[in-house]
Amino acid sequence: MSDMKTLTTRDLNRKTASVLDAVESGETFELRRSGRVVGYITRTPPNPQRRPDWKNHFDWLRRQATKTDVEILAEFAEERQRQAARERELANMK
């Protein structure tokens, strides 16, 4: 990207048509505001963001479960039940 040109927001405001013509011809610009880079103007579209496939991920995790994992999950379930019972008792005391 050594051929990238720097462009300020003021320059873009004043020379929009010529900047767009340059982009059409294949040039790339680094857009800056107050000396900081805020974006890029280029002809090529950005890469699409990959979205995680959570269903497949959790299915994979379930297949990886070992006896230890199952025991830990059972302990969590028991603790949740104990906590719910405590909360019910406290609610009855009020």
C-alpha atoms as a PDB file:
ATOM      1  CA  MET A   1       0.000   0.000   0.000  1.00  0.00           C
ATOM      2  CA  SER A   2       2.895   2.337  -0.611  1.00  0.00           C
ATOM      3  CA  ASP A   3       0.945   4.027  -3.413  1.00  0.00           C
ATOM      4  CA  MET A   4      -1.785   5.114  -0.986  1.00  0.00           C
ATOM      5  CA  LYS A   5      -2.351   8.849  -0.821  1.00  0.00           C
ATOM      6  CA  THR A   6      -3.280  10.758   2.309  1.00  0.00           C
ATOM      7  CA  LEU A   7      -6.430  12.852   2.235  1.00  0.00           C
ATOM      8  CA  THR A   8      -7.870  15.166   4.886  1.00  0.00           C
ATOM      9  CA  THR A   9     -11.569  15.595   5.448  1.00  0.00           C
ATOM     10  CA  ARG A  10     -11.243  19.205   4.287  1.00  0.00           C
ATOM     11  CA  ASP A  11      -9.600  18.085   1.027  1.00  0.00           C
ATOM     12  CA  LEU A  12     -12.339  15.523   0.519  1.00  0.00           C
ATOM     13  CA  ASN A  13     -14.978  18.192   1.070  1.00  0.00           C
ATOM     14  CA  ARG A  14     -13.369  20.558  -1.422  1.00  0.00           C
ATOM     15  CA  LYS A  15     -12.285  18.040  -4.089  1.00  0.00           C
ATOM     16  CA  THR A  16     -14.899  15.289  -3.892  1.00  0.00           C
ATOM     17  CA  ALA A  17     -15.349  14.894  -7.645  1.00  0.00           C
ATOM     18  CA  SER A  18     -11.632  14.621  -8.384  1.00  0.00           C
ATOM     19  CA  VAL A  19     -11.122  12.180  -5.493  1.00  0.00           C
ATOM     20  CA  LEU A  20     -13.948   9.975  -6.767  1.00  0.00           C
ATOM     21  CA  ASP A  21     -12.468  10.101 -10.273  1.00  0.00           C
ATOM     22  CA  ALA A  22      -9.119   8.953  -8.858  1.00  0.00           C
ATOM     23  CA  VAL A  23     -10.817   6.150  -6.908  1.00  0.00           C
ATOM     24  CA  GLU A  24     -12.570   5.031 -10.096  1.00  0.00           C
ATOM     25  CA  SER A  25      -9.188   4.802 -11.780  1.00  0.00           C
ATOM     26  CA  GLY A  26      -7.909   2.527  -8.989  1.00  0.00           C
ATOM     27  CA  GLU A  27      -6.250   4.863  -6.474  1.00  0.00           C
ATOM     28  CA  THR A  28      -6.617   4.379  -2.741  1.00  0.00           C
ATOM     29  CA  PHE A  29      -6.765   7.164  -0.166  1.00  0.00           C
ATOM     30  CA  GLU A  30      -6.173   7.220   3.564  1.00  0.00           C
ATOM     31  CA  LEU A  31      -8.689   9.622   5.117  1.00  0.00           C
ATOM     32  CA  ARG A  32      -7.528  11.635   8.117  1.00  0.00           C
ATOM     33  CA  ARG A  33      -9.286  13.943  10.557  1.00  0.00           C
ATOM     34  CA  SER A  34      -7.170  16.063  12.903  1.00  0.00           C
ATOM     35  CA  GLY A  35      -4.117  14.002  11.953  1.00  0.00           C
ATOM     36  CA  ARG A  36      -5.697  10.658  12.866  1.00  0.00           C
ATOM     37  CA  VAL A  37      -6.669   7.993  10.363  1.00  0.00           C
ATOM     38  CA  VAL A  38     -10.464   7.602  10.273  1.00  0.00           C
ATOM     39  CA  GLY A  39     -10.849   5.395   7.214  1.00  0.00           C
ATOM     40  CA  TYR A  40      -9.874   4.440   3.706  1.00  0.00           C
ATOM     41  CA  ILE A  41     -11.438   5.247   0.367  1.00  0.00           C
ATOM     42  CA  THR A  42     -10.827   2.493  -2.136  1.00  0.00           C
ATOM     43  CA  ARG A  43     -12.471   0.883  -5.119  1.00  0.00           C
ATOM     44  CA  THR A  44     -12.377  -2.622  -3.661  1.00  0.00           C
ATOM     45  CA  PRO A  45     -15.122  -3.512  -1.184  1.00  0.00           C
ATOM     46  CA  PRO A  46     -14.149  -4.570   2.342  1.00  0.00           C
ATOM     47  CA  ASN A  47     -13.998  -8.259   3.188  1.00  0.00           C
ATOM     48  CA  PRO A  48     -17.305  -9.496   4.559  1.00  0.00           C
ATOM     49  CA  GLN A  49     -17.240 -10.169   8.272  1.00  0.00           C
ATOM     50  CA  ARG A  50     -17.456 -13.813   9.189  1.00  0.00           C
ATOM     51  CA  ARG A  51     -20.255 -14.572  11.574  1.00  0.00           C
ATOM     52  CA  PRO A  52     -19.695 -17.382  14.051  1.00  0.00           C
ATOM     53  CA  ASP A  53     -21.799 -20.501  13.634  1.00  0.00           C
ATOM     54  CA  TRP A  54     -22.724 -20.987  17.280  1.00  0.00           C
ATOM     55  CA  LYS A  55     -24.945 -24.020  16.726  1.00  0.00           C
ATOM     56  CA  ASN A  56     -22.107 -26.021  15.161  1.00  0.00           C
ATOM     57  CA  HIS A  57     -19.697 -24.757  17.809  1.00  0.00           C
ATOM     58  CA  PHE A  58     -21.882 -25.923  20.692  1.00  0.00           C
ATOM     59  CA  ASP A  59     -22.619 -29.214  18.951  1.00  0.00           C
ATOM     60  CA  TRP A  60     -18.862 -29.733  18.702  1.00  0.00           C
ATOM     61  CA  LEU A  61     -18.455 -28.867  22.393  1.00  0.00           C
ATOM     62  CA  ARG A  62     -21.126 -31.399  23.349  1.00  0.00           C
ATOM     63  CA  ARG A  63     -19.324 -34.092  21.366  1.00  0.00           C
ATOM     64  CA  GLN A  64     -16.099 -33.229  23.211  1.00  0.00           C
ATOM     65  CA  ALA A  65     -17.702 -33.748  26.642  1.00  0.00           C
ATOM     66  CA  THR A  66     -15.910 -36.171  28.901  1.00  0.00           C
ATOM     67  CA  LYS A  67     -17.117 -37.774  32.104  1.00  0.00           C
ATOM     68  CA  THR A  68     -15.477 -34.947  34.045  1.00  0.00           C
ATOM     69  CA  ASP A  69     -17.356 -32.343  32.005  1.00  0.00           C
ATOM     70  CA  VAL A  70     -20.657 -34.109  32.613  1.00  0.00           C
ATOM     71  CA  GLU A  71     -19.937 -34.276  36.344  1.00  0.00           C
ATOM     72  CA  ILE A  72     -19.140 -30.570  36.476  1.00  0.00           C
ATOM     73  CA  LEU A  73     -22.346 -29.714  34.640  1.00  0.00           C
ATOM     74  CA  ALA A  74     -24.327 -31.908  37.063  1.00  0.00           C
ATOM     75  CA  GLU A  75     -22.729 -30.085  39.998  1.00  0.00           C
ATOM     76  CA  PHE A  76     -23.733 -26.731  38.478  1.00  0.00           C
ATOM     77  CA  ALA A  77     -27.301 -27.963  38.040  1.00  0.00           C
ATOM     78  CA  GLU A  78     -27.434 -29.149  41.658  1.00  0.00           C
ATOM     79  CA  GLU A  79     -26.066 -25.833  42.892  1.00  0.00           C
ATOM     80  CA  ARG A  80     -28.671 -23.939  40.860  1.00  0.00           C
ATOM     81  CA  GLN A  81     -31.402 -26.082  42.422  1.00  0.00           C
ATOM     82  CA  ARG A  82     -30.043 -25.441  45.938  1.00  0.00           C
ATOM     83  CA  GLN A  83     -29.869 -21.708  45.238  1.00  0.00           C
ATOM     84  CA  ALA A  84     -33.454 -21.683  43.915  1.00  0.00           C
ATOM     85  CA  ALA A  85     -34.620 -23.536  47.062  1.00  0.00           C
ATOM     86  CA  ARG A  86     -32.834 -20.973  49.285  1.00  0.00           C
ATOM     87  CA  GLU A  87     -34.462 -18.116  47.392  1.00  0.00           C
ATOM     88  CA  ARG A  88     -37.903 -19.730  47.793  1.00  0.00           C
ATOM     89  CA  GLU A  89     -37.329 -20.135  51.537  1.00  0.00           C
ATOM     90  CA  LEU A  90     -36.277 -16.501  51.871  1.00  0.00           C
ATOM     91  CA  ALA A  91     -39.351 -15.404  49.939  1.00  0.00           C
ATOM     92  CA  ASN A  92     -41.582 -17.432  52.294  1.00  0.00           C
ATOM     93  CA  MET A  93     -39.976 -15.795  55.353  1.00  0.00           C
ATOM     94  CA  LYS A  94     -41.007 -12.308  54.269  1.00  0.00           C
END
